[in-house]
Amino acid sequence: MDVRLRYCLDLRPCKLTCIFEKAVIKEADSLIAACLGEIRADKYLLPVLQEADYPRLAK
């Protein structure tokens, strides 16, 4: 079973906060399931690009 921790990041220079929202246990409740087609990021907030993302980025 995968458990994901959801955080809310406010990276504006005046805020710079990281707030824990909740633990996500069911895949259907995850942001990945809710935001299909979005580019994912790794734990360092770097984009994780797949081959299908490149044509969209080029536009």
PDB file of N, CA and C in Angstrom:
ATOM      1  N   MET A   1       0.843  -1.173   0.000  1.00  0.00           N
ATOM      2  CA  MET A   1       0.000   0.000   0.000  1.00  0.00           C
ATOM      3  C   MET A   1       0.892   1.241   0.000  1.00  0.00           C
ATOM      4  N   ASP A   2       0.563   2.198  -0.857  1.00  0.00           N
ATOM      5  CA  ASP A   2       1.274   3.473  -0.889  1.00  0.00           C
ATOM      6  C   ASP A   2       0.544   4.481  -0.028  1.00  0.00           C
ATOM      7  N   VAL A   3       1.286   5.240   0.723  1.00  0.00           N
ATOM      8  CA  VAL A   3       0.727   6.341   1.503  1.00  0.00           C
ATOM      9  C   VAL A   3       1.436   7.599   1.042  1.00  0.00           C
ATOM     10  N   ARG A   4       0.666   8.587   0.655  1.00  0.00           N
ATOM     11  CA  ARG A   4       1.236   9.858   0.224  1.00  0.00           C
ATOM     12  C   ARG A   4       0.885  10.918   1.249  1.00  0.00           C
ATOM     13  N   LEU A   5       1.816  11.812   1.493  1.00  0.00           N
ATOM     14  CA  LEU A   5       1.572  12.925   2.381  1.00  0.00           C
ATOM     15  C   LEU A   5       1.374  14.169   1.528  1.00  0.00           C
ATOM     16  N   ARG A   6       0.288  14.869   1.774  1.00  0.00           N
ATOM     17  CA  ARG A   6      -0.025  16.060   0.984  1.00  0.00           C
ATOM     18  C   ARG A   6       0.331  17.303   1.787  1.00  0.00           C
ATOM     19  N   TYR A   7       1.146  18.145   1.156  1.00  0.00           N
ATOM     20  CA  TYR A   7       1.560  19.403   1.756  1.00  0.00           C
ATOM     21  C   TYR A   7       1.100  20.556   0.874  1.00  0.00           C
ATOM     22  N   CYS A   8       0.903  21.686   1.469  1.00  0.00           N
ATOM     23  CA  CYS A   8       0.567  22.899   0.733  1.00  0.00           C
ATOM     24  C   CYS A   8       1.764  23.840   0.846  1.00  0.00           C
ATOM     25  N   LEU A   9       2.384  24.143  -0.293  1.00  0.00           N
ATOM     26  CA  LEU A   9       3.550  25.017  -0.325  1.00  0.00           C
ATOM     27  C   LEU A   9       3.152  26.395  -0.825  1.00  0.00           C
ATOM     28  N   ASP A  10       3.544  27.418  -0.108  1.00  0.00           N
ATOM     29  CA  ASP A  10       3.358  28.801  -0.556  1.00  0.00           C
ATOM     30  C   ASP A  10       4.751  29.376  -0.736  1.00  0.00           C
ATOM     31  N   LEU A  11       5.203  29.417  -1.992  1.00  0.00           N
ATOM     32  CA  LEU A  11       6.579  29.801  -2.284  1.00  0.00           C
ATOM     33  C   LEU A  11       6.748  31.284  -2.586  1.00  0.00           C
ATOM     34  N   ARG A  12       5.725  32.077  -2.307  1.00  0.00           N
ATOM     35  CA  ARG A  12       5.876  33.520  -2.475  1.00  0.00           C
ATOM     36  C   ARG A  12       6.922  34.019  -1.482  1.00  0.00           C
ATOM     37  N   PRO A  13       7.779  34.953  -1.905  1.00  0.00           N
ATOM     38  CA  PRO A  13       8.842  35.423  -1.004  1.00  0.00           C
ATOM     39  C   PRO A  13       8.344  35.927   0.355  1.00  0.00           C
ATOM     40  N   CYS A  14       7.131  36.471   0.404  1.00  0.00           N
ATOM     41  CA  CYS A  14       6.637  37.001   1.672  1.00  0.00           C
ATOM     42  C   CYS A  14       6.084  35.910   2.591  1.00  0.00           C
ATOM     43  N   LYS A  15       5.871  34.701   2.079  1.00  0.00           N
ATOM     44  CA  LYS A  15       5.291  33.613   2.885  1.00  0.00           C
ATOM     45  C   LYS A  15       6.307  32.509   3.169  1.00  0.00           C
ATOM     46  N   LEU A  16       6.726  31.792   2.113  1.00  0.00           N
ATOM     47  CA  LEU A  16       7.652  30.664   2.235  1.00  0.00           C
ATOM     48  C   LEU A  16       7.235  29.694   3.343  1.00  0.00           C
ATOM     49  N   THR A  17       6.033  29.137   3.194  1.00  0.00           N
ATOM     50  CA  THR A  17       5.512  28.208   4.187  1.00  0.00           C
ATOM     51  C   THR A  17       5.270  26.832   3.570  1.00  0.00           C
ATOM     52  N   CYS A  18       5.284  25.831   4.404  1.00  0.00           N
ATOM     53  CA  CYS A  18       4.977  24.457   4.021  1.00  0.00           C
ATOM     54  C   CYS A  18       4.069  23.894   5.108  1.00  0.00           C
ATOM     55  N   ILE A  19       2.820  23.607   4.750  1.00  0.00           N
ATOM     56  CA  ILE A  19       1.829  23.157   5.720  1.00  0.00           C
ATOM     57  C   ILE A  19       1.358  21.753   5.349  1.00  0.00           C
ATOM     58  N   PHE A  20       1.393  20.845   6.301  1.00  0.00           N
ATOM     59  CA  PHE A  20       0.893  19.487   6.090  1.00  0.00           C
ATOM     60  C   PHE A  20      -0.629  19.535   6.010  1.00  0.00           C
ATOM     61  N   GLU A  21      -1.199  18.935   4.947  1.00  0.00           N
ATOM     62  CA  GLU A  21      -2.655  18.889   4.797  1.00  0.00           C
ATOM     63  C   GLU A  21      -3.224  17.579   5.319  1.00  0.00           C
ATOM     64  N   LYS A  22      -2.783  16.457   4.730  1.00  0.00           N
ATOM     65  CA  LYS A  22      -3.322  15.166   5.161  1.00  0.00           C
ATOM     66  C   LYS A  22      -2.536  14.029   4.536  1.00  0.00           C
ATOM     67  N   ALA A  23      -2.756  12.831   5.037  1.00  0.00           N
ATOM     68  CA  ALA A  23      -2.213  11.619   4.440  1.00  0.00           C
ATOM     69  C   ALA A  23      -3.247  11.077   3.463  1.00  0.00           C
ATOM     70  N   VAL A  24      -2.796  10.725   2.277  1.00  0.00           N
ATOM     71  CA  VAL A  24      -3.690  10.194   1.245  1.00  0.00           C
ATOM     72  C   VAL A  24      -3.408   8.706   1.117  1.00  0.00           C
ATOM     73  N   ILE A  25      -4.418   7.899   1.398  1.00  0.00           N
ATOM     74  CA  ILE A  25      -4.259   6.447   1.335  1.00  0.00           C
ATOM     75  C   ILE A  25      -4.871   5.879   0.056  1.00  0.00           C
ATOM     76  N   LYS A  26      -6.051   6.381  -0.331  1.00  0.00           N
ATOM     77  CA  LYS A  26      -6.709   5.879  -1.542  1.00  0.00           C
ATOM     78  C   LYS A  26      -6.231   6.671  -2.761  1.00  0.00           C
ATOM     79  N   GLU A  27      -5.825   5.964  -3.796  1.00  0.00           N
ATOM     80  CA  GLU A  27      -5.329   6.603  -5.026  1.00  0.00           C
ATOM     81  C   GLU A  27      -6.365   7.540  -5.633  1.00  0.00           C
ATOM     82  N   ALA A  28      -7.646   7.224  -5.512  1.00  0.00           N
ATOM     83  CA  ALA A  28      -8.701   8.060  -6.082  1.00  0.00           C
ATOM     84  C   ALA A  28      -8.758   9.438  -5.426  1.00  0.00           C
ATOM     85  N   ASP A  29      -8.248   9.572  -4.214  1.00  0.00           N
ATOM     86  CA  ASP A  29      -8.238  10.854  -3.505  1.00  0.00           C
ATOM     87  C   ASP A  29      -6.963  11.653  -3.730  1.00  0.00           C
ATOM     88  N   SER A  30      -6.045  11.131  -4.511  1.00  0.00           N
ATOM     89  CA  SER A  30      -4.753  11.796  -4.686  1.00  0.00           C
ATOM     90  C   SER A  30      -4.840  12.917  -5.714  1.00  0.00           C
ATOM     91  N   LEU A  31      -3.894  13.828  -5.646  1.00  0.00           N
ATOM     92  CA  LEU A  31      -3.824  14.907  -6.636  1.00  0.00           C
ATOM     93  C   LEU A  31      -3.473  14.368  -8.013  1.00  0.00           C
ATOM     94  N   ILE A  32      -2.747  13.260  -8.049  1.00  0.00           N
ATOM     95  CA  ILE A  32      -2.396  12.648  -9.329  1.00  0.00           C
ATOM     96  C   ILE A  32      -3.658  12.205 -10.056  1.00  0.00           C
ATOM     97  N   ALA A  33      -4.600  11.625  -9.351  1.00  0.00           N
ATOM     98  CA  ALA A  33      -5.860  11.193  -9.960  1.00  0.00           C
ATOM     99  C   ALA A  33      -6.746  12.386 -10.294  1.00  0.00           C
ATOM    100  N   ALA A  34      -6.700  13.427  -9.476  1.00  0.00           N
ATOM    101  CA  ALA A  34      -7.567  14.595  -9.691  1.00  0.00           C
ATOM    102  C   ALA A  34      -7.069  15.488 -10.815  1.00  0.00           C
ATOM    103  N   CYS A  35      -5.779  15.491 -11.085  1.00  0.00           N
ATOM    104  CA  CYS A  35      -5.189  16.409 -12.061  1.00  0.00           C
ATOM    105  C   CYS A  35      -4.519  15.627 -13.187  1.00  0.00           C
ATOM    106  N   LEU A  36      -5.299  14.871 -13.906  1.00  0.00           N
ATOM    107  CA  LEU A  36      -4.753  14.098 -15.024  1.00  0.00           C
ATOM    108  C   LEU A  36      -4.198  15.044 -16.081  1.00  0.00           C
ATOM    109  N   GLY A  37      -3.064  14.706 -16.652  1.00  0.00           N
ATOM    110  CA  GLY A  37      -2.475  15.524 -17.693  1.00  0.00           C
ATOM    111  C   GLY A  37      -1.533  16.595 -17.173  1.00  0.00           C
ATOM    112  N   GLU A  38      -1.452  16.775 -15.878  1.00  0.00           N
ATOM    113  CA  GLU A  38      -0.525  17.750 -15.311  1.00  0.00           C
ATOM    114  C   GLU A  38       0.866  17.133 -15.236  1.00  0.00           C
ATOM    115  N   ILE A  39       1.871  17.964 -15.226  1.00  0.00           N
ATOM    116  CA  ILE A  39       3.239  17.486 -15.112  1.00  0.00           C
ATOM    117  C   ILE A  39       3.551  17.281 -13.639  1.00  0.00           C
ATOM    118  N   ARG A  40       4.021  16.112 -13.304  1.00  0.00           N
ATOM    119  CA  ARG A  40       4.325  15.770 -11.916  1.00  0.00           C
ATOM    120  C   ARG A  40       5.677  16.332 -11.518  1.00  0.00           C
ATOM    121  N   ALA A  41       5.910  16.409 -10.216  1.00  0.00           N
ATOM    122  CA  ALA A  41       7.197  16.857  -9.690  1.00  0.00           C
ATOM    123  C   ALA A  41       7.701  15.823  -8.695  1.00  0.00           C
ATOM    124  N   ASP A  42       9.009  15.774  -8.542  1.00  0.00           N
ATOM    125  CA  ASP A  42       9.575  14.858  -7.557  1.00  0.00           C
ATOM    126  C   ASP A  42       9.628  15.543  -6.191  1.00  0.00           C
ATOM    127  N   LYS A  43      10.260  14.915  -5.225  1.00  0.00           N
ATOM    128  CA  LYS A  43      10.259  15.467  -3.871  1.00  0.00           C
ATOM    129  C   LYS A  43      11.044  16.773  -3.769  1.00  0.00           C
ATOM    130  N   TYR A  44      11.837  17.098  -4.783  1.00  0.00           N
ATOM    131  CA  TYR A  44      12.565  18.363  -4.800  1.00  0.00           C
ATOM    132  C   TYR A  44      11.843  19.418  -5.639  1.00  0.00           C
ATOM    133  N   LEU A  45      10.610  19.109  -6.049  1.00  0.00           N
ATOM    134  CA  LEU A  45       9.764  19.979  -6.877  1.00  0.00           C
ATOM    135  C   LEU A  45      10.325  20.192  -8.276  1.00  0.00           C
ATOM    136  N   LEU A  46      11.158  19.263  -8.741  1.00  0.00           N
ATOM    137  CA  LEU A  46      11.641  19.313 -10.116  1.00  0.00           C
ATOM    138  C   LEU A  46      10.649  18.560 -10.991  1.00  0.00           C
ATOM    139  N   PRO A  47      10.369  19.075 -12.185  1.00  0.00           N
ATOM    140  CA  PRO A  47       9.392  18.388 -13.038  1.00  0.00           C
ATOM    141  C   PRO A  47       9.875  17.006 -13.464  1.00  0.00           C
ATOM    142  N   VAL A  48       8.954  16.065 -13.464  1.00  0.00           N
ATOM    143  CA  VAL A  48       9.233  14.710 -13.933  1.00  0.00           C
ATOM    144  C   VAL A  48       8.553  14.583 -15.285  1.00  0.00           C
ATOM    145  N   LEU A  49       9.343  14.707 -16.337  1.00  0.00           N
ATOM    146  CA  LEU A  49       8.797  14.727 -17.690  1.00  0.00           C
ATOM    147  C   LEU A  49       8.784  13.335 -18.287  1.00  0.00           C
ATOM    148  N   GLN A  50       7.703  13.057 -18.994  1.00  0.00           N
ATOM    149  CA  GLN A  50       7.589  11.818 -19.747  1.00  0.00           C
ATOM    150  C   GLN A  50       7.616  12.183 -21.224  1.00  0.00           C
ATOM    151  N   GLU A  51       7.813  11.209 -22.067  1.00  0.00           N
ATOM    152  CA  GLU A  51       7.940  11.467 -23.503  1.00  0.00           C
ATOM    153  C   GLU A  51       6.728  12.215 -24.050  1.00  0.00           C
ATOM    154  N   ALA A  52       5.536  11.915 -23.555  1.00  0.00           N
ATOM    155  CA  ALA A  52       4.314  12.575 -24.045  1.00  0.00           C
ATOM    156  C   ALA A  52       4.236  14.044 -23.636  1.00  0.00           C
ATOM    157  N   ASP A  53       5.021  14.486 -22.663  1.00  0.00           N
ATOM    158  CA  ASP A  53       4.978  15.878 -22.208  1.00  0.00           C
ATOM    159  C   ASP A  53       5.718  16.832 -23.133  1.00  0.00           C
ATOM    160  N   TYR A  54       6.693  16.365 -23.878  1.00  0.00           N
ATOM    161  CA  TYR A  54       7.531  17.254 -24.676  1.00  0.00           C
ATOM    162  C   TYR A  54       6.789  18.008 -25.769  1.00  0.00           C
ATOM    163  N   PRO A  55       5.898  17.389 -26.570  1.00  0.00           N
ATOM    164  CA  PRO A  55       5.162  18.169 -27.573  1.00  0.00           C
ATOM    165  C   PRO A  55       4.307  19.276 -26.946  1.00  0.00           C
ATOM    166  N   ARG A  56       3.708  18.988 -25.810  1.00  0.00           N
ATOM    167  CA  ARG A  56       2.888  19.989 -25.135  1.00  0.00           C
ATOM    168  C   ARG A  56       3.751  21.135 -24.631  1.00  0.00           C
ATOM    169  N   LEU A  57       4.926  20.836 -24.098  1.00  0.00           N
ATOM    170  CA  LEU A  57       5.826  21.884 -23.631  1.00  0.00           C
ATOM    171  C   LEU A  57       6.349  22.734 -24.779  1.00  0.00           C
ATOM    172  N   ALA A  58       6.554  22.113 -25.932  1.00  0.00           N
ATOM    173  CA  ALA A  58       7.066  22.846 -27.088  1.00  0.00           C
ATOM    174  C   ALA A  58       6.079  23.891 -27.591  1.00  0.00           C
ATOM    175  N   LYS A  59       4.773  23.603 -27.402  1.00  0.00           N
ATOM    176  CA  LYS A  59       3.767  24.591 -27.834  1.00  0.00           C
ATOM    177  C   LYS A  59       3.792  25.775 -26.918  1.00  0.00           C
TER     178      LYS A  59
END
